[in-house]
Amino acid sequence: MRHAHEDPELLALVRRYVTPGRRYLKLSGSLLRMESPEYDRFMQDLREDAGLIAPDEIATLLEGSWRERRTAAWLVAVSRRTEFRERLGELLLASEVCCVGLAYSVALASFGTARDADLLAAYLDRYLCRPDLGYDQAVVMGALQFIDLNLGGRQVDRFREPGGLWQEWLREAPHQQADTDPTPHFLSLIRRLCAFVDECAEAL
């Protein structure tokens, strides 16, 4: 992992794309609570930067901390740079840092292909068995269900069958309640964030 405080190249990109207006904090569900004119200005600035940032700059940001990775994943989503699909899948599966799984999930869900579903499912295969590890099981499940609903796929079914990995994770994860399934909440969140991505991308 590269650290901006000791990496001039990365620091320059952070100052250009990550920290203006505390963008990295707003690239989450909180952007859905913005109102105009802040919302419109935020979308316009994100759209412009998504069109301007170079592929090698995205790759550099994806080597940084959660702030850089979160921002890069959103710029990838808005600019439809599907060449970063496998890299986002690798980073999601590695789960090296917290606070960025939603961004990876939104990007993959916005691409919305069977391959994106495979990458999300790979995360669930690894981390539903380990409720003590991973940060993003619920949001990844929401993203996978989003793609399944759009493609008519059945990837999510094998996780959600009675007595399956999802039920086991709900029982064992220390921060979950077995009688409360968070999937509808995260499906709704992914749907709304992907709608934001689509609105941004349409103007590029």
Protein backbone atom coordinates (compact mmCIF):
# COMPACT_ATOMS: atom_id res chain seq x y z
CA MET A 1 0.00 0.00 0.00
CA ARG A 2 1.23 3.47 -0.84
CA HIS A 3 0.87 6.31 1.66
CA ALA A 4 0.25 9.85 0.48
CA HIS A 5 2.29 11.45 3.27
CA GLU A 6 5.44 9.75 1.95
CA ASP A 7 4.61 9.53 -1.77
CA PRO A 8 4.64 12.83 -3.69
CA GLU A 9 2.99 11.33 -6.78
CA LEU A 10 0.11 9.91 -4.78
CA LEU A 11 -0.19 13.07 -2.67
CA ALA A 12 -0.64 15.18 -5.80
CA LEU A 13 -3.48 12.91 -6.96
CA VAL A 14 -5.10 12.99 -3.53
CA ARG A 15 -5.11 16.78 -3.58
CA ARG A 16 -6.50 16.78 -7.12
CA TYR A 17 -9.21 14.12 -6.87
CA VAL A 18 -9.78 12.87 -3.33
CA THR A 19 -9.82 15.65 -0.75
CA PRO A 20 -11.40 18.69 -2.50
CA GLY A 21 -14.69 19.35 -0.77
CA ARG A 22 -14.04 16.21 1.34
CA ARG A 23 -15.20 14.20 -1.67
CA TYR A 24 -14.00 10.90 -0.25
CA LEU A 25 -16.41 11.24 2.67
CA LYS A 26 -19.39 12.06 0.48
CA LEU A 27 -18.87 9.09 -1.87
CA SER A 28 -21.13 6.84 0.15
CA GLY A 29 -24.80 6.68 1.03
CA SER A 30 -24.49 10.22 2.37
CA LEU A 31 -24.51 11.63 -1.17
CA LEU A 32 -28.15 10.57 -1.38
CA ARG A 33 -28.97 13.03 1.40
CA MET A 34 -27.56 16.01 -0.47
CA GLU A 35 -29.91 18.61 -1.83
CA SER A 36 -29.53 21.06 -4.68
CA PRO A 37 -27.45 23.05 -5.38
CA GLU A 38 -24.82 21.02 -3.46
CA TYR A 39 -25.95 17.76 -5.09
CA ASP A 40 -25.81 19.20 -8.61
CA ARG A 41 -22.38 20.73 -8.06
CA PHE A 42 -21.04 17.52 -6.53
CA MET A 43 -22.30 15.46 -9.47
CA GLN A 44 -20.88 17.87 -12.03
CA ASP A 45 -17.44 17.93 -10.39
CA LEU A 46 -17.36 14.13 -10.10
CA ARG A 47 -18.43 13.72 -13.73
CA GLU A 48 -15.75 16.12 -14.94
CA ASP A 49 -13.00 14.43 -12.96
CA ALA A 50 -14.14 10.98 -14.11
CA GLY A 51 -13.67 12.16 -17.68
CA LEU A 52 -10.30 13.78 -17.01
CA ILE A 53 -8.44 11.29 -14.84
CA ALA A 54 -5.96 9.09 -16.71
CA PRO A 55 -5.90 5.30 -16.35
CA ASP A 56 -2.47 5.34 -14.73
CA GLU A 57 -3.73 7.87 -12.19
CA ILE A 58 -6.65 5.59 -11.30
CA ALA A 59 -4.21 2.69 -10.91
CA THR A 60 -2.08 4.78 -8.56
CA LEU A 61 -5.07 5.79 -6.43
CA LEU A 62 -6.07 2.12 -6.15
CA GLU A 63 -2.71 1.48 -4.47
CA GLY A 64 -3.43 3.99 -1.70
CA SER A 65 -5.48 3.95 1.48
CA TRP A 66 -9.24 3.60 1.76
CA ARG A 67 -9.82 7.25 0.85
CA GLU A 68 -7.93 6.96 -2.42
CA ARG A 69 -9.41 3.57 -3.29
CA ARG A 70 -12.95 4.69 -2.57
CA THR A 71 -12.58 7.74 -4.79
CA ALA A 72 -10.91 5.77 -7.57
CA ALA A 73 -13.65 3.14 -7.60
CA TRP A 74 -16.31 5.82 -8.02
CA LEU A 75 -14.36 7.50 -10.82
CA VAL A 76 -14.09 4.09 -12.50
CA ALA A 77 -17.84 3.57 -12.18
CA VAL A 78 -18.83 6.97 -13.52
CA SER A 79 -16.41 6.78 -16.45
CA ARG A 80 -17.47 3.17 -17.24
CA ARG A 81 -13.86 2.00 -17.26
CA THR A 82 -14.59 -1.69 -17.27
CA GLU A 83 -10.90 -2.44 -17.83
CA PHE A 84 -10.59 -2.00 -14.05
CA ARG A 85 -13.23 -4.68 -13.34
CA GLU A 86 -10.74 -7.41 -12.44
CA ARG A 87 -8.65 -5.06 -10.31
CA LEU A 88 -11.69 -3.98 -8.32
CA GLY A 89 -12.64 -7.62 -7.87
CA GLU A 90 -9.14 -8.41 -6.60
CA LEU A 91 -9.22 -5.54 -4.13
CA LEU A 92 -12.66 -6.50 -2.88
CA LEU A 93 -11.56 -10.09 -2.36
CA ALA A 94 -8.34 -9.06 -0.60
CA SER A 95 -10.35 -6.84 1.78
CA GLU A 96 -7.18 -5.08 2.91
CA VAL A 97 -8.83 -1.92 4.19
CA CYS A 98 -12.21 -0.96 5.58
CA CYS A 99 -14.61 1.69 4.30
CA VAL A 100 -14.27 0.92 0.59
CA GLY A 101 -16.34 -2.21 -0.07
CA LEU A 102 -19.41 -0.18 -0.91
CA ALA A 103 -17.47 1.68 -3.61
CA TYR A 104 -16.19 -1.55 -5.18
CA SER A 105 -19.68 -3.03 -5.01
CA VAL A 106 -21.31 0.00 -6.63
CA ALA A 107 -18.76 -0.02 -9.45
CA LEU A 108 -19.25 -3.73 -10.17
CA ALA A 109 -23.03 -3.47 -9.85
CA SER A 110 -23.08 -0.51 -12.22
CA PHE A 111 -21.18 -2.55 -14.82
CA GLY A 112 -23.77 -5.24 -14.20
CA THR A 113 -22.48 -8.20 -16.19
CA ALA A 114 -22.29 -11.87 -15.33
CA ARG A 115 -18.55 -11.43 -14.72
CA ASP A 116 -19.26 -8.72 -12.16
CA ALA A 117 -21.67 -11.10 -10.44
CA ASP A 118 -18.92 -13.74 -10.38
CA LEU A 119 -16.52 -11.33 -8.66
CA LEU A 120 -19.09 -10.43 -6.02
CA ALA A 121 -19.92 -14.11 -5.49
CA ALA A 122 -16.22 -14.91 -5.01
CA TYR A 123 -16.15 -12.46 -2.09
CA LEU A 124 -19.20 -14.10 -0.53
CA ASP A 125 -17.75 -17.58 -1.00
CA ARG A 126 -14.70 -16.51 1.01
CA TYR A 127 -16.15 -14.25 3.67
CA LEU A 128 -19.55 -15.70 4.49
CA CYS A 129 -17.60 -18.63 5.94
CA ARG A 130 -15.61 -16.23 8.10
CA PRO A 131 -17.92 -13.88 10.00
CA ASP A 132 -14.88 -12.73 11.96
CA LEU A 133 -13.29 -11.40 8.75
CA GLY A 134 -14.40 -9.06 6.00
CA TYR A 135 -16.39 -5.89 6.29
CA ASP A 136 -18.81 -5.97 3.43
CA GLN A 137 -20.82 -9.19 3.28
CA ALA A 138 -24.18 -7.43 3.44
CA VAL A 139 -23.44 -4.75 0.87
CA VAL A 140 -21.91 -7.32 -1.52
CA MET A 141 -25.02 -9.45 -1.15
CA GLY A 142 -27.13 -6.42 -2.06
CA ALA A 143 -24.96 -5.74 -5.12
CA LEU A 144 -25.14 -9.36 -6.25
CA GLN A 145 -28.90 -9.39 -5.90
CA PHE A 146 -29.08 -6.14 -7.89
CA ILE A 147 -27.21 -7.73 -10.80
CA ASP A 148 -29.24 -10.94 -10.55
CA LEU A 149 -32.49 -9.02 -10.75
CA ASN A 150 -31.30 -7.13 -13.82
CA LEU A 151 -29.88 -10.18 -15.61
CA GLY A 152 -32.41 -12.73 -14.49
CA GLY A 153 -29.55 -14.66 -12.89
CA ARG A 154 -29.61 -17.02 -9.94
CA GLN A 155 -26.20 -16.49 -8.36
CA VAL A 156 -27.65 -15.17 -5.13
CA ASP A 157 -29.92 -18.21 -4.64
CA ARG A 158 -27.15 -20.60 -3.63
CA PHE A 159 -26.15 -18.29 -0.78
CA ARG A 160 -29.68 -17.65 0.43
CA GLU A 161 -31.07 -21.20 0.39
CA PRO A 162 -32.33 -22.44 3.79
CA GLY A 163 -29.39 -23.47 5.93
CA GLY A 164 -26.95 -21.92 3.44
CA LEU A 165 -23.98 -19.64 3.91
CA TRP A 166 -26.08 -16.48 4.24
CA GLN A 167 -28.20 -17.87 7.05
CA GLU A 168 -25.09 -19.13 8.79
CA TRP A 169 -23.41 -15.74 8.51
CA LEU A 170 -26.46 -13.95 9.87
CA ARG A 171 -26.34 -16.25 12.91
CA GLU A 172 -22.61 -15.99 13.51
CA ALA A 173 -21.61 -12.44 12.57
CA PRO A 174 -21.21 -10.54 15.84
CA HIS A 175 -22.76 -7.34 14.48
CA GLN A 176 -25.83 -8.98 12.90
CA GLN A 177 -29.11 -10.27 14.25
CA ALA A 178 -30.20 -13.61 12.83
CA ASP A 179 -33.83 -12.51 12.60
CA THR A 180 -32.98 -9.34 10.65
CA ASP A 181 -31.91 -9.72 7.02
CA PRO A 182 -30.12 -6.55 5.85
CA THR A 183 -30.31 -7.47 2.16
CA PRO A 184 -33.39 -5.35 1.29
CA HIS A 185 -31.73 -2.27 2.77
CA PHE A 186 -28.49 -2.78 0.86
CA LEU A 187 -30.28 -3.72 -2.36
CA SER A 188 -32.14 -0.42 -2.15
CA LEU A 189 -28.92 1.45 -1.39
CA ILE A 190 -27.08 -0.15 -4.34
CA ARG A 191 -30.01 0.59 -6.65
CA ARG A 192 -30.06 4.27 -5.69
CA LEU A 193 -26.28 4.68 -5.91
CA CYS A 194 -26.19 2.98 -9.31
CA ALA A 195 -28.90 5.37 -10.47
CA PHE A 196 -26.61 8.22 -9.40
CA VAL A 197 -23.72 6.64 -11.35
CA ASP A 198 -25.94 6.26 -14.42
CA GLU A 199 -27.03 9.89 -14.21
CA CYS A 200 -23.40 11.00 -14.01
CA ALA A 201 -22.26 8.70 -16.79
CA GLU A 202 -24.97 9.74 -19.23
CA ALA A 203 -23.48 13.21 -19.52
CA LEU A 204 -19.93 12.04 -20.19
